[in-house]
Amino acid sequence: MFALQKSKSKSNSRTQIDIKGVQDNILLLTNNRYRAVLEVTPVNFELRSEDEQDAIIDIYESFLNSVGVPLQILIRTREIDMDKYLEDLSDQVTQETVPVYKQQLEHYGEFIKSLISTNKILTRHFYVIVPYTAPNKSDLDLVKEQVNLIVDIVAKGLGRLGISTKQLSSLALLDLFYSFYSPKQAKTQPLTAQALQLVHSSFTQKDNKGDEDE
């Protein structure tokens, strides 16, 4: 879906992945293409009974046949940053006045430090990317209406599988790509609403310039 291959020329990440901008929870791509991203909860298929598994497969097959658009499934494995957790735990130890509880917190903190010194604490996030391509350059309100219709169909279909969905906000979309391309920086310098506004302003100026050139 996205042009994720690295460019040989020196260019920024947004150019490499073919993104014009992000607005109203929608990724704006080139050539009148748009994407919404749903974060979804997984279903533990292996723990279900055979009858339940058969039912899930049948519902999933029906969902794919009826959704009408090609979906992309993304599974993201990320290392959890435990520094903030350990800082909060240290604060709890400092504030605890009951000796037995204080000692338990200290032992727990040492256990966590020992655990992460030899093991990475990982978490998995699951996403479904919902595509929409406009026939020509369209008003964003119209695009949002069409995207939301498809998102609603996908969310209801996944709901029948017992999967809950949540559409990523504009800031969460930026953070997803930010963590892909600058994972170390994302830990120490998280994105803010101000960064989102800067991206939006940049896109608006570029889009207006394109209209003037036409």
N, C-alpha and C. Protein backbone atom coordinates (compact mmCIF):
# COMPACT_ATOMS: atom_id res chain seq x y z
N MET A 1 0.82 -1.20 0.00
CA MET A 1 0.00 0.00 0.00
C MET A 1 0.86 1.26 0.00
N PHE A 2 1.80 1.33 0.95
CA PHE A 2 2.68 2.49 1.01
C PHE A 2 4.00 2.18 0.33
N ALA A 3 4.62 3.20 -0.24
CA ALA A 3 5.95 3.02 -0.86
C ALA A 3 6.99 3.08 0.25
N LEU A 4 7.21 1.94 0.93
CA LEU A 4 8.06 1.92 2.11
C LEU A 4 9.54 1.70 1.78
N GLN A 5 9.85 1.40 0.51
CA GLN A 5 11.24 1.18 0.18
C GLN A 5 12.03 2.47 0.33
N LYS A 6 13.28 2.33 0.75
CA LYS A 6 14.11 3.51 0.98
C LYS A 6 14.55 4.12 -0.35
N SER A 7 14.50 5.41 -0.39
CA SER A 7 14.89 6.11 -1.61
C SER A 7 16.40 6.23 -1.66
N LYS A 8 16.97 6.17 -2.85
CA LYS A 8 18.42 6.33 -3.01
C LYS A 8 18.82 7.79 -2.88
N SER A 9 17.92 8.68 -3.21
CA SER A 9 18.21 10.10 -3.07
C SER A 9 17.93 10.54 -1.65
N LYS A 10 18.56 11.65 -1.27
CA LYS A 10 18.35 12.17 0.06
C LYS A 10 17.01 12.89 0.11
N SER A 11 16.06 12.31 0.83
CA SER A 11 14.74 12.91 0.96
C SER A 11 14.17 12.55 2.31
N ASN A 12 13.16 13.28 2.73
CA ASN A 12 12.60 13.00 4.04
C ASN A 12 11.69 11.79 3.99
N SER A 13 11.33 11.28 5.18
CA SER A 13 10.54 10.05 5.27
C SER A 13 9.17 10.20 4.65
N ARG A 14 8.57 11.39 4.78
CA ARG A 14 7.24 11.58 4.24
C ARG A 14 7.22 11.42 2.73
N THR A 15 8.31 11.85 2.06
CA THR A 15 8.41 11.68 0.62
C THR A 15 8.58 10.21 0.27
N GLN A 16 9.38 9.50 1.04
CA GLN A 16 9.64 8.09 0.77
C GLN A 16 8.37 7.25 0.86
N ILE A 17 7.50 7.54 1.81
CA ILE A 17 6.31 6.71 1.99
C ILE A 17 5.09 7.30 1.30
N ASP A 18 5.31 8.30 0.46
CA ASP A 18 4.26 8.77 -0.45
C ASP A 18 3.08 9.40 0.27
N ILE A 19 3.31 10.04 1.41
CA ILE A 19 2.23 10.67 2.17
C ILE A 19 2.25 12.18 1.94
N LYS A 20 1.10 12.73 1.58
CA LYS A 20 0.97 14.18 1.43
C LYS A 20 0.72 14.84 2.78
N GLY A 21 -0.04 14.16 3.63
CA GLY A 21 -0.37 14.73 4.92
C GLY A 21 -1.35 13.85 5.68
N VAL A 22 -1.81 14.35 6.82
CA VAL A 22 -2.82 13.64 7.61
C VAL A 22 -3.80 14.67 8.14
N GLN A 23 -5.08 14.37 8.01
CA GLN A 23 -6.10 15.33 8.43
C GLN A 23 -7.38 14.58 8.78
N ASP A 24 -7.97 14.98 9.90
CA ASP A 24 -9.25 14.40 10.34
C ASP A 24 -9.18 12.87 10.39
N ASN A 25 -8.08 12.34 10.93
CA ASN A 25 -7.90 10.90 11.15
C ASN A 25 -7.73 10.11 9.85
N ILE A 26 -7.35 10.79 8.78
CA ILE A 26 -7.20 10.13 7.47
C ILE A 26 -5.82 10.45 6.90
N LEU A 27 -5.13 9.42 6.41
CA LEU A 27 -3.88 9.63 5.70
C LEU A 27 -4.18 10.09 4.28
N LEU A 28 -3.52 11.15 3.85
CA LEU A 28 -3.71 11.69 2.51
C LEU A 28 -2.51 11.30 1.66
N LEU A 29 -2.73 10.44 0.68
CA LEU A 29 -1.66 9.98 -0.20
C LEU A 29 -1.76 10.69 -1.54
N THR A 30 -0.82 10.41 -2.41
CA THR A 30 -0.83 10.99 -3.74
C THR A 30 -1.88 10.31 -4.61
N ASN A 31 -2.19 10.92 -5.74
CA ASN A 31 -3.11 10.34 -6.72
C ASN A 31 -4.50 10.06 -6.14
N ASN A 32 -4.97 10.98 -5.28
CA ASN A 32 -6.33 10.91 -4.73
C ASN A 32 -6.59 9.62 -3.94
N ARG A 33 -5.56 9.16 -3.24
CA ARG A 33 -5.70 7.96 -2.41
C ARG A 33 -5.71 8.35 -0.94
N TYR A 34 -6.51 7.61 -0.16
CA TYR A 34 -6.69 7.91 1.26
C TYR A 34 -6.70 6.61 2.05
N ARG A 35 -6.30 6.70 3.33
CA ARG A 35 -6.27 5.53 4.18
C ARG A 35 -6.74 5.90 5.59
N ALA A 36 -7.55 5.01 6.17
CA ALA A 36 -7.86 5.06 7.59
C ALA A 36 -7.24 3.82 8.23
N VAL A 37 -6.83 3.94 9.47
CA VAL A 37 -6.17 2.82 10.15
C VAL A 37 -6.96 2.49 11.42
N LEU A 38 -7.33 1.24 11.54
CA LEU A 38 -8.06 0.76 12.71
C LEU A 38 -7.14 -0.09 13.57
N GLU A 39 -7.03 0.24 14.85
CA GLU A 39 -6.34 -0.66 15.77
C GLU A 39 -7.36 -1.68 16.26
N VAL A 40 -7.01 -2.94 16.21
CA VAL A 40 -7.98 -4.00 16.53
C VAL A 40 -7.44 -4.89 17.64
N THR A 41 -8.39 -5.51 18.37
CA THR A 41 -8.01 -6.47 19.40
C THR A 41 -7.91 -7.85 18.76
N PRO A 42 -6.92 -8.65 19.13
CA PRO A 42 -6.78 -9.98 18.53
C PRO A 42 -7.76 -10.98 19.13
N VAL A 43 -8.01 -12.05 18.40
CA VAL A 43 -8.81 -13.16 18.90
C VAL A 43 -7.90 -14.37 19.02
N ASN A 44 -7.88 -15.00 20.18
CA ASN A 44 -7.02 -16.18 20.37
C ASN A 44 -7.72 -17.39 19.77
N PHE A 45 -7.41 -17.62 18.51
CA PHE A 45 -8.08 -18.66 17.73
C PHE A 45 -7.80 -20.06 18.28
N GLU A 46 -6.58 -20.29 18.73
CA GLU A 46 -6.17 -21.63 19.15
C GLU A 46 -6.86 -22.08 20.43
N LEU A 47 -7.32 -21.15 21.24
CA LEU A 47 -7.98 -21.51 22.49
C LEU A 47 -9.47 -21.80 22.30
N ARG A 48 -9.98 -21.56 21.12
CA ARG A 48 -11.39 -21.81 20.86
C ARG A 48 -11.63 -23.30 20.55
N SER A 49 -12.85 -23.73 20.78
CA SER A 49 -13.21 -25.10 20.45
C SER A 49 -13.26 -25.26 18.93
N GLU A 50 -13.30 -26.50 18.48
CA GLU A 50 -13.32 -26.74 17.03
C GLU A 50 -14.54 -26.12 16.38
N ASP A 51 -15.69 -26.22 17.04
CA ASP A 51 -16.92 -25.63 16.49
C ASP A 51 -16.80 -24.11 16.41
N GLU A 52 -16.21 -23.50 17.45
CA GLU A 52 -16.02 -22.05 17.45
C GLU A 52 -15.05 -21.63 16.36
N GLN A 53 -14.00 -22.41 16.16
CA GLN A 53 -13.04 -22.10 15.11
C GLN A 53 -13.69 -22.15 13.72
N ASP A 54 -14.51 -23.18 13.50
CA ASP A 54 -15.22 -23.29 12.22
C ASP A 54 -16.15 -22.09 12.00
N ALA A 55 -16.82 -21.66 13.08
CA ALA A 55 -17.73 -20.52 12.98
C ALA A 55 -16.95 -19.24 12.67
N ILE A 56 -15.80 -19.07 13.30
CA ILE A 56 -14.98 -17.88 13.06
C ILE A 56 -14.51 -17.86 11.61
N ILE A 57 -14.08 -19.00 11.10
CA ILE A 57 -13.61 -19.08 9.71
C ILE A 57 -14.74 -18.73 8.74
N ASP A 58 -15.93 -19.25 9.00
CA ASP A 58 -17.08 -18.98 8.13
C ASP A 58 -17.44 -17.49 8.15
N ILE A 59 -17.45 -16.89 9.34
CA ILE A 59 -17.78 -15.46 9.47
C ILE A 59 -16.71 -14.61 8.79
N TYR A 60 -15.44 -15.00 8.96
CA TYR A 60 -14.34 -14.25 8.36
C TYR A 60 -14.40 -14.33 6.83
N GLU A 61 -14.71 -15.50 6.31
CA GLU A 61 -14.84 -15.66 4.87
C GLU A 61 -15.97 -14.80 4.32
N SER A 62 -17.09 -14.80 5.04
CA SER A 62 -18.23 -13.98 4.63
C SER A 62 -17.88 -12.50 4.68
N PHE A 63 -17.13 -12.11 5.70
CA PHE A 63 -16.71 -10.71 5.85
C PHE A 63 -15.83 -10.27 4.68
N LEU A 64 -14.85 -11.10 4.33
CA LEU A 64 -13.94 -10.76 3.23
C LEU A 64 -14.69 -10.66 1.90
N ASN A 65 -15.67 -11.51 1.71
CA ASN A 65 -16.44 -11.50 0.45
C ASN A 65 -17.36 -10.30 0.35
N SER A 66 -17.73 -9.73 1.50
CA SER A 66 -18.72 -8.65 1.48
C SER A 66 -18.13 -7.26 1.65
N VAL A 67 -16.87 -7.18 2.14
CA VAL A 67 -16.33 -5.87 2.48
C VAL A 67 -16.10 -5.00 1.25
N GLY A 68 -15.72 -5.60 0.12
CA GLY A 68 -15.65 -4.85 -1.14
C GLY A 68 -14.39 -4.04 -1.37
N VAL A 69 -13.45 -4.03 -0.44
CA VAL A 69 -12.19 -3.30 -0.62
C VAL A 69 -11.04 -4.19 -0.15
N PRO A 70 -9.84 -4.03 -0.75
CA PRO A 70 -8.69 -4.82 -0.28
C PRO A 70 -8.15 -4.24 1.02
N LEU A 71 -8.07 -5.06 2.05
CA LEU A 71 -7.60 -4.61 3.35
C LEU A 71 -6.16 -5.04 3.57
N GLN A 72 -5.43 -4.23 4.31
CA GLN A 72 -4.07 -4.59 4.71
C GLN A 72 -4.05 -4.82 6.20
N ILE A 73 -3.42 -5.92 6.64
CA ILE A 73 -3.29 -6.23 8.06
C ILE A 73 -1.85 -6.01 8.48
N LEU A 74 -1.67 -5.23 9.52
CA LEU A 74 -0.33 -4.91 10.02
C LEU A 74 -0.22 -5.38 11.47
N ILE A 75 0.82 -6.16 11.75
CA ILE A 75 1.12 -6.58 13.12
C ILE A 75 2.43 -5.91 13.53
N ARG A 76 2.36 -5.11 14.56
CA ARG A 76 3.53 -4.31 14.98
C ARG A 76 4.02 -4.80 16.34
N THR A 77 5.25 -5.28 16.38
CA THR A 77 5.86 -5.69 17.65
C THR A 77 6.83 -4.60 18.09
N ARG A 78 6.61 -4.10 19.31
CA ARG A 78 7.44 -3.02 19.81
C ARG A 78 7.98 -3.36 21.20
N GLU A 79 9.17 -2.86 21.46
CA GLU A 79 9.76 -3.03 22.79
C GLU A 79 9.18 -1.97 23.72
N ILE A 80 8.74 -2.42 24.88
CA ILE A 80 8.16 -1.49 25.85
C ILE A 80 9.29 -0.75 26.57
N ASP A 81 9.17 0.56 26.64
CA ASP A 81 10.14 1.37 27.37
C ASP A 81 9.79 1.33 28.86
N MET A 82 10.63 0.68 29.66
CA MET A 82 10.34 0.49 31.08
C MET A 82 10.90 1.60 31.96
N ASP A 83 11.61 2.56 31.37
CA ASP A 83 12.24 3.60 32.19
C ASP A 83 11.21 4.39 32.99
N LYS A 84 10.14 4.81 32.33
CA LYS A 84 9.11 5.60 33.03
C LYS A 84 8.45 4.76 34.12
N TYR A 85 8.22 3.49 33.84
CA TYR A 85 7.60 2.61 34.83
C TYR A 85 8.49 2.49 36.06
N LEU A 86 9.80 2.33 35.84
CA LEU A 86 10.73 2.21 36.95
C LEU A 86 10.85 3.53 37.73
N GLU A 87 10.75 4.66 37.04
CA GLU A 87 10.77 5.95 37.72
C GLU A 87 9.56 6.10 38.64
N ASP A 88 8.38 5.72 38.13
CA ASP A 88 7.17 5.79 38.94
C ASP A 88 7.26 4.84 40.14
N LEU A 89 7.84 3.66 39.90
CA LEU A 89 7.99 2.70 40.99
C LEU A 89 8.94 3.24 42.06
N SER A 90 10.00 3.90 41.62
CA SER A 90 10.95 4.50 42.56
C SER A 90 10.27 5.58 43.40
N ASP A 91 9.39 6.37 42.77
CA ASP A 91 8.64 7.39 43.51
C ASP A 91 7.74 6.76 44.56
N GLN A 92 7.13 5.63 44.21
CA GLN A 92 6.26 4.93 45.17
C GLN A 92 7.07 4.44 46.37
N VAL A 93 8.28 3.94 46.11
CA VAL A 93 9.15 3.48 47.19
C VAL A 93 9.49 4.63 48.12
N THR A 94 9.80 5.78 47.54
CA THR A 94 10.16 6.96 48.34
C THR A 94 9.00 7.43 49.21
N GLN A 95 7.78 7.36 48.65
CA GLN A 95 6.61 7.87 49.37
C GLN A 95 6.02 6.87 50.36
N GLU A 96 6.36 5.58 50.20
CA GLU A 96 5.79 4.56 51.08
C GLU A 96 6.35 4.69 52.50
N THR A 97 5.45 4.68 53.49
CA THR A 97 5.86 4.85 54.89
C THR A 97 5.79 3.56 55.69
N VAL A 98 5.08 2.57 55.18
CA VAL A 98 4.98 1.29 55.89
C VAL A 98 6.19 0.43 55.51
N PRO A 99 7.04 0.08 56.45
CA PRO A 99 8.30 -0.63 56.14
C PRO A 99 8.11 -1.90 55.32
N VAL A 100 7.11 -2.73 55.64
CA VAL A 100 6.95 -4.00 54.94
C VAL A 100 6.56 -3.76 53.47
N TYR A 101 5.71 -2.76 53.22
CA TYR A 101 5.32 -2.44 51.86
C TYR A 101 6.49 -1.83 51.09
N LYS A 102 7.24 -0.99 51.79
CA LYS A 102 8.41 -0.36 51.16
C LYS A 102 9.41 -1.41 50.71
N GLN A 103 9.63 -2.42 51.57
CA GLN A 103 10.57 -3.49 51.25
C GLN A 103 10.07 -4.32 50.06
N GLN A 104 8.76 -4.58 50.02
CA GLN A 104 8.18 -5.34 48.91
C GLN A 104 8.34 -4.60 47.59
N LEU A 105 8.14 -3.29 47.62
CA LEU A 105 8.30 -2.48 46.41
C LEU A 105 9.76 -2.48 45.94
N GLU A 106 10.68 -2.41 46.89
CA GLU A 106 12.10 -2.43 46.53
C GLU A 106 12.49 -3.76 45.89
N HIS A 107 11.99 -4.86 46.45
CA HIS A 107 12.27 -6.18 45.91
C HIS A 107 11.66 -6.33 44.52
N TYR A 108 10.46 -5.80 44.37
CA TYR A 108 9.79 -5.87 43.06
C TYR A 108 10.56 -5.07 42.02
N GLY A 109 11.06 -3.90 42.42
CA GLY A 109 11.84 -3.07 41.51
C GLY A 109 13.12 -3.78 41.07
N GLU A 110 13.78 -4.45 42.01
CA GLU A 110 15.00 -5.19 41.67
C GLU A 110 14.68 -6.34 40.72
N PHE A 111 13.52 -6.98 40.94
CA PHE A 111 13.12 -8.08 40.06
C PHE A 111 12.89 -7.58 38.64
N ILE A 112 12.21 -6.44 38.50
CA ILE A 112 11.94 -5.88 37.17
C ILE A 112 13.25 -5.51 36.48
N LYS A 113 14.17 -4.88 37.21
CA LYS A 113 15.45 -4.50 36.62
C LYS A 113 16.22 -5.73 36.15
N SER A 114 16.19 -6.79 36.96
CA SER A 114 16.87 -8.03 36.58
C SER A 114 16.22 -8.65 35.35
N LEU A 115 14.90 -8.57 35.29
CA LEU A 115 14.17 -9.16 34.17
C LEU A 115 14.49 -8.46 32.86
N ILE A 116 14.47 -7.12 32.86
CA ILE A 116 14.68 -6.40 31.62
C ILE A 116 16.16 -6.33 31.22
N SER A 117 17.06 -6.69 32.15
CA SER A 117 18.49 -6.70 31.80
C SER A 117 18.83 -7.87 30.88
N THR A 118 18.02 -8.92 30.92
CA THR A 118 18.29 -10.11 30.10
C THR A 118 17.19 -10.40 29.09
N ASN A 119 16.07 -9.70 29.20
CA ASN A 119 14.94 -9.96 28.30
C ASN A 119 14.32 -8.64 27.85
N LYS A 120 13.86 -8.63 26.61
CA LYS A 120 13.12 -7.48 26.11
C LYS A 120 11.63 -7.70 26.38
N ILE A 121 10.98 -6.66 26.91
CA ILE A 121 9.55 -6.73 27.16
C ILE A 121 8.84 -6.21 25.92
N LEU A 122 8.14 -7.08 25.24
CA LEU A 122 7.55 -6.73 23.95
C LEU A 122 6.03 -6.67 24.04
N THR A 123 5.46 -5.86 23.18
CA THR A 123 4.02 -5.79 23.05
C THR A 123 3.65 -5.80 21.58
N ARG A 124 2.51 -6.37 21.27
CA ARG A 124 2.05 -6.44 19.88
C ARG A 124 0.80 -5.60 19.70
N HIS A 125 0.79 -4.87 18.59
CA HIS A 125 -0.39 -4.09 18.21
C HIS A 125 -0.84 -4.55 16.83
N PHE A 126 -2.13 -4.64 16.66
CA PHE A 126 -2.70 -5.15 15.41
C PHE A 126 -3.52 -4.04 14.75
N TYR A 127 -3.32 -3.87 13.44
CA TYR A 127 -3.99 -2.81 12.71
C TYR A 127 -4.60 -3.35 11.41
N VAL A 128 -5.70 -2.75 11.01
CA VAL A 128 -6.30 -3.00 9.71
C VAL A 128 -6.34 -1.67 8.96
N ILE A 129 -5.73 -1.63 7.78
CA ILE A 129 -5.68 -0.40 6.98
C ILE A 129 -6.82 -0.43 5.96
N VAL A 130 -7.64 0.60 6.01
CA VAL A 130 -8.82 0.69 5.14
C VAL A 130 -8.55 1.68 4.02
N PRO A 131 -8.61 1.25 2.75
CA PRO A 131 -8.27 2.14 1.64
C PRO A 131 -9.50 2.79 1.00
N TYR A 132 -9.24 3.94 0.40
CA TYR A 132 -10.26 4.58 -0.45
C TYR A 132 -9.53 5.39 -1.52
N THR A 133 -9.99 5.26 -2.75
CA THR A 133 -9.44 6.05 -3.86
C THR A 133 -10.56 6.85 -4.50
N ALA A 134 -10.39 8.17 -4.53
CA ALA A 134 -11.41 9.02 -5.13
C ALA A 134 -11.25 9.02 -6.65
N PRO A 135 -12.35 9.09 -7.40
CA PRO A 135 -12.26 9.09 -8.87
C PRO A 135 -11.51 10.29 -9.42
N ASN A 136 -11.54 11.39 -8.66
CA ASN A 136 -10.79 12.59 -9.04
C ASN A 136 -10.56 13.40 -7.77
N LYS A 137 -9.94 14.55 -7.90
CA LYS A 137 -9.69 15.37 -6.73
C LYS A 137 -11.02 15.81 -6.12
N SER A 138 -11.27 15.38 -4.89
CA SER A 138 -12.56 15.61 -4.25
C SER A 138 -12.41 16.45 -3.00
N ASP A 139 -13.52 17.06 -2.60
CA ASP A 139 -13.56 17.80 -1.35
C ASP A 139 -13.32 16.84 -0.18
N LEU A 140 -12.54 17.26 0.80
CA LEU A 140 -12.18 16.37 1.89
C LEU A 140 -13.40 15.91 2.68
N ASP A 141 -14.41 16.75 2.80
CA ASP A 141 -15.62 16.34 3.52
C ASP A 141 -16.28 15.16 2.82
N LEU A 142 -16.28 15.18 1.50
CA LEU A 142 -16.85 14.06 0.74
C LEU A 142 -16.00 12.81 0.92
N VAL A 143 -14.69 12.99 0.90
CA VAL A 143 -13.78 11.87 1.11
C VAL A 143 -14.00 11.26 2.50
N LYS A 144 -14.10 12.11 3.51
CA LYS A 144 -14.33 11.63 4.88
C LYS A 144 -15.61 10.82 4.96
N GLU A 145 -16.64 11.28 4.28
CA GLU A 145 -17.91 10.57 4.31
C GLU A 145 -17.77 9.17 3.72
N GLN A 146 -17.06 9.06 2.60
CA GLN A 146 -16.88 7.76 1.96
C GLN A 146 -15.98 6.85 2.80
N VAL A 147 -14.90 7.42 3.34
CA VAL A 147 -14.00 6.63 4.17
C VAL A 147 -14.72 6.11 5.41
N ASN A 148 -15.51 6.98 6.04
CA ASN A 148 -16.23 6.58 7.25
C ASN A 148 -17.25 5.49 6.97
N LEU A 149 -17.85 5.52 5.80
CA LEU A 149 -18.79 4.46 5.42
C LEU A 149 -18.08 3.11 5.35
N ILE A 150 -16.90 3.10 4.71
CA ILE A 150 -16.14 1.85 4.59
C ILE A 150 -15.64 1.40 5.96
N VAL A 151 -15.17 2.35 6.75
CA VAL A 151 -14.69 2.03 8.10
C VAL A 151 -15.81 1.40 8.92
N ASP A 152 -17.01 1.94 8.80
CA ASP A 152 -18.15 1.41 9.55
C ASP A 152 -18.46 -0.03 9.13
N ILE A 153 -18.39 -0.30 7.83
CA ILE A 153 -18.63 -1.67 7.33
C ILE A 153 -17.58 -2.63 7.88
N VAL A 154 -16.32 -2.20 7.83
CA VAL A 154 -15.22 -3.05 8.31
C VAL A 154 -15.35 -3.28 9.82
N ALA A 155 -15.66 -2.23 10.57
CA ALA A 155 -15.77 -2.36 12.03
C ALA A 155 -16.90 -3.30 12.42
N LYS A 156 -18.03 -3.21 11.73
CA LYS A 156 -19.15 -4.10 12.04
C LYS A 156 -18.83 -5.55 11.67
N GLY A 157 -18.14 -5.73 10.53
CA GLY A 157 -17.76 -7.07 10.13
C GLY A 157 -16.80 -7.72 11.11
N LEU A 158 -15.82 -6.94 11.58
CA LEU A 158 -14.87 -7.47 12.56
C LEU A 158 -15.54 -7.69 13.91
N GLY A 159 -16.54 -6.85 14.20
CA GLY A 159 -17.28 -7.01 15.45
C GLY A 159 -17.99 -8.35 15.53
N ARG A 160 -18.45 -8.85 14.39
CA ARG A 160 -19.10 -10.16 14.37
C ARG A 160 -18.12 -11.29 14.68
N LEU A 161 -16.82 -10.99 14.55
CA LEU A 161 -15.78 -11.97 14.90
C LEU A 161 -15.33 -11.83 16.35
N GLY A 162 -15.94 -10.88 17.07
CA GLY A 162 -15.53 -10.63 18.43
C GLY A 162 -14.33 -9.72 18.54
N ILE A 163 -14.03 -8.99 17.45
CA ILE A 163 -12.89 -8.09 17.41
C ILE A 163 -13.37 -6.65 17.54
N SER A 164 -12.89 -5.96 18.55
CA SER A 164 -13.24 -4.55 18.70
C SER A 164 -12.24 -3.69 17.93
N THR A 165 -12.68 -2.54 17.46
CA THR A 165 -11.85 -1.67 16.63
C THR A 165 -11.84 -0.25 17.17
N LYS A 166 -10.76 0.45 16.88
CA LYS A 166 -10.65 1.87 17.24
C LYS A 166 -9.87 2.57 16.15
N GLN A 167 -10.47 3.57 15.52
CA GLN A 167 -9.77 4.28 14.46
C GLN A 167 -8.71 5.19 15.05
N LEU A 168 -7.51 5.13 14.48
CA LEU A 168 -6.42 5.97 14.96
C LEU A 168 -6.70 7.43 14.65
N SER A 169 -6.41 8.28 15.62
CA SER A 169 -6.54 9.72 15.42
C SER A 169 -5.39 10.21 14.54
N SER A 170 -5.48 11.45 14.13
CA SER A 170 -4.42 12.02 13.30
C SER A 170 -3.07 11.96 14.01
N LEU A 171 -3.05 12.28 15.30
CA LEU A 171 -1.80 12.26 16.06
C LEU A 171 -1.28 10.82 16.20
N ALA A 172 -2.19 9.86 16.42
CA ALA A 172 -1.78 8.46 16.54
C ALA A 172 -1.23 7.93 15.21
N LEU A 173 -1.79 8.39 14.09
CA LEU A 173 -1.28 8.00 12.78
C LEU A 173 0.15 8.49 12.59
N LEU A 174 0.38 9.76 12.93
CA LEU A 174 1.73 10.31 12.82
C LEU A 174 2.70 9.56 13.73
N ASP A 175 2.24 9.25 14.94
CA ASP A 175 3.10 8.56 15.89
C ASP A 175 3.46 7.16 15.40
N LEU A 176 2.54 6.51 14.70
CA LEU A 176 2.81 5.18 14.16
C LEU A 176 3.98 5.23 13.17
N PHE A 177 3.95 6.19 12.25
CA PHE A 177 5.04 6.31 11.28
C PHE A 177 6.31 6.85 11.94
N TYR A 178 6.14 7.74 12.88
CA TYR A 178 7.28 8.30 13.62
C TYR A 178 8.05 7.19 14.32
N SER A 179 7.33 6.24 14.94
CA SER A 179 7.99 5.15 15.65
C SER A 179 8.64 4.16 14.70
N PHE A 180 8.13 4.07 13.45
CA PHE A 180 8.75 3.22 12.45
C PHE A 180 10.10 3.79 12.00
N TYR A 181 10.11 5.08 11.69
CA TYR A 181 11.27 5.70 11.05
C TYR A 181 12.25 6.31 12.04
N SER A 182 11.78 6.64 13.25
CA SER A 182 12.69 7.20 14.27
C SER A 182 12.38 6.56 15.63
N PRO A 183 12.60 5.26 15.77
CA PRO A 183 12.20 4.56 17.00
C PRO A 183 12.88 5.09 18.26
N LYS A 184 14.17 5.42 18.17
CA LYS A 184 14.88 5.92 19.35
C LYS A 184 14.38 7.31 19.73
N GLN A 185 14.22 8.15 18.72
CA GLN A 185 13.76 9.51 19.00
C GLN A 185 12.33 9.51 19.52
N ALA A 186 11.50 8.56 19.05
CA ALA A 186 10.11 8.48 19.48
C ALA A 186 9.99 8.22 20.98
N LYS A 187 10.99 7.52 21.54
CA LYS A 187 10.96 7.22 22.97
C LYS A 187 11.25 8.45 23.81
N THR A 188 12.18 9.27 23.34
CA THR A 188 12.62 10.42 24.13
C THR A 188 11.89 11.71 23.78
N GLN A 189 11.37 11.80 22.54
CA GLN A 189 10.68 13.01 22.11
C GLN A 189 9.34 12.65 21.48
N PRO A 190 8.35 12.31 22.29
CA PRO A 190 7.04 11.92 21.76
C PRO A 190 6.37 13.07 21.01
N LEU A 191 5.55 12.72 20.05
CA LEU A 191 4.84 13.74 19.27
C LEU A 191 3.79 14.43 20.12
N THR A 192 3.52 15.66 19.76
CA THR A 192 2.51 16.45 20.47
C THR A 192 1.50 17.00 19.47
N ALA A 193 0.46 17.59 20.00
CA ALA A 193 -0.55 18.20 19.15
C ALA A 193 0.04 19.33 18.32
N GLN A 194 1.08 19.97 18.85
CA GLN A 194 1.74 21.05 18.11
C GLN A 194 2.41 20.51 16.85
N ALA A 195 3.01 19.31 16.96
CA ALA A 195 3.62 18.69 15.79
C ALA A 195 2.57 18.37 14.73
N LEU A 196 1.41 17.93 15.18
CA LEU A 196 0.32 17.65 14.25
C LEU A 196 -0.11 18.92 13.52
N GLN A 197 -0.18 20.02 14.24
CA GLN A 197 -0.56 21.30 13.63
C GLN A 197 0.46 21.74 12.60
N LEU A 198 1.74 21.51 12.87
CA LEU A 198 2.78 21.88 11.92
C LEU A 198 2.66 21.08 10.63
N VAL A 199 2.38 19.78 10.76
CA VAL A 199 2.21 18.93 9.58
C VAL A 199 0.99 19.39 8.78
N HIS A 200 -0.08 19.68 9.49
CA HIS A 200 -1.30 20.13 8.83
C HIS A 200 -1.07 21.45 8.08
N SER A 201 -0.35 22.38 8.72
CA SER A 201 -0.06 23.66 8.08
C SER A 201 0.80 23.48 6.84
N SER A 202 1.79 22.59 6.94
CA SER A 202 2.66 22.31 5.81
C SER A 202 1.88 21.75 4.63
N PHE A 203 0.97 20.82 4.93
CA PHE A 203 0.15 20.22 3.88
C PHE A 203 -0.76 21.27 3.23
N THR A 204 -1.38 22.12 4.07
CA THR A 204 -2.30 23.13 3.56
C THR A 204 -1.59 24.10 2.63
N GLN A 205 -0.38 24.54 3.04
CA GLN A 205 0.38 25.47 2.19
C GLN A 205 0.77 24.81 0.87
N LYS A 206 1.19 23.56 0.93
CA LYS A 206 1.59 22.84 -0.28
C LYS A 206 0.40 22.62 -1.20
N ASP A 207 -0.75 22.29 -0.61
CA ASP A 207 -1.95 22.04 -1.40
C ASP A 207 -2.44 23.32 -2.07
N ASN A 208 -2.38 24.42 -1.32
CA ASN A 208 -2.81 25.71 -1.88
C ASN A 208 -1.90 26.13 -3.03
N LYS A 209 -0.60 25.87 -2.89
CA LYS A 209 0.36 26.21 -3.93
C LYS A 209 0.08 25.39 -5.19
N GLY A 210 -0.31 24.12 -4.97
CA GLY A 210 -0.64 23.26 -6.11
C GLY A 210 -1.86 23.78 -6.86
N ASP A 211 -2.86 24.29 -6.11
CA ASP A 211 -4.05 24.85 -6.74
C ASP A 211 -3.70 26.09 -7.57
N GLU A 212 -2.78 26.91 -7.02
CA GLU A 212 -2.39 28.12 -7.73
C GLU A 212 -1.65 27.79 -9.03
N ASP A 213 -0.80 26.74 -8.97
CA ASP A 213 -0.06 26.34 -10.16
C ASP A 213 -0.98 25.84 -11.25
N GLU A 214 -2.10 25.21 -10.84
CA GLU A 214 -3.05 24.73 -11.83
C GLU A 214 -3.78 25.89 -12.50
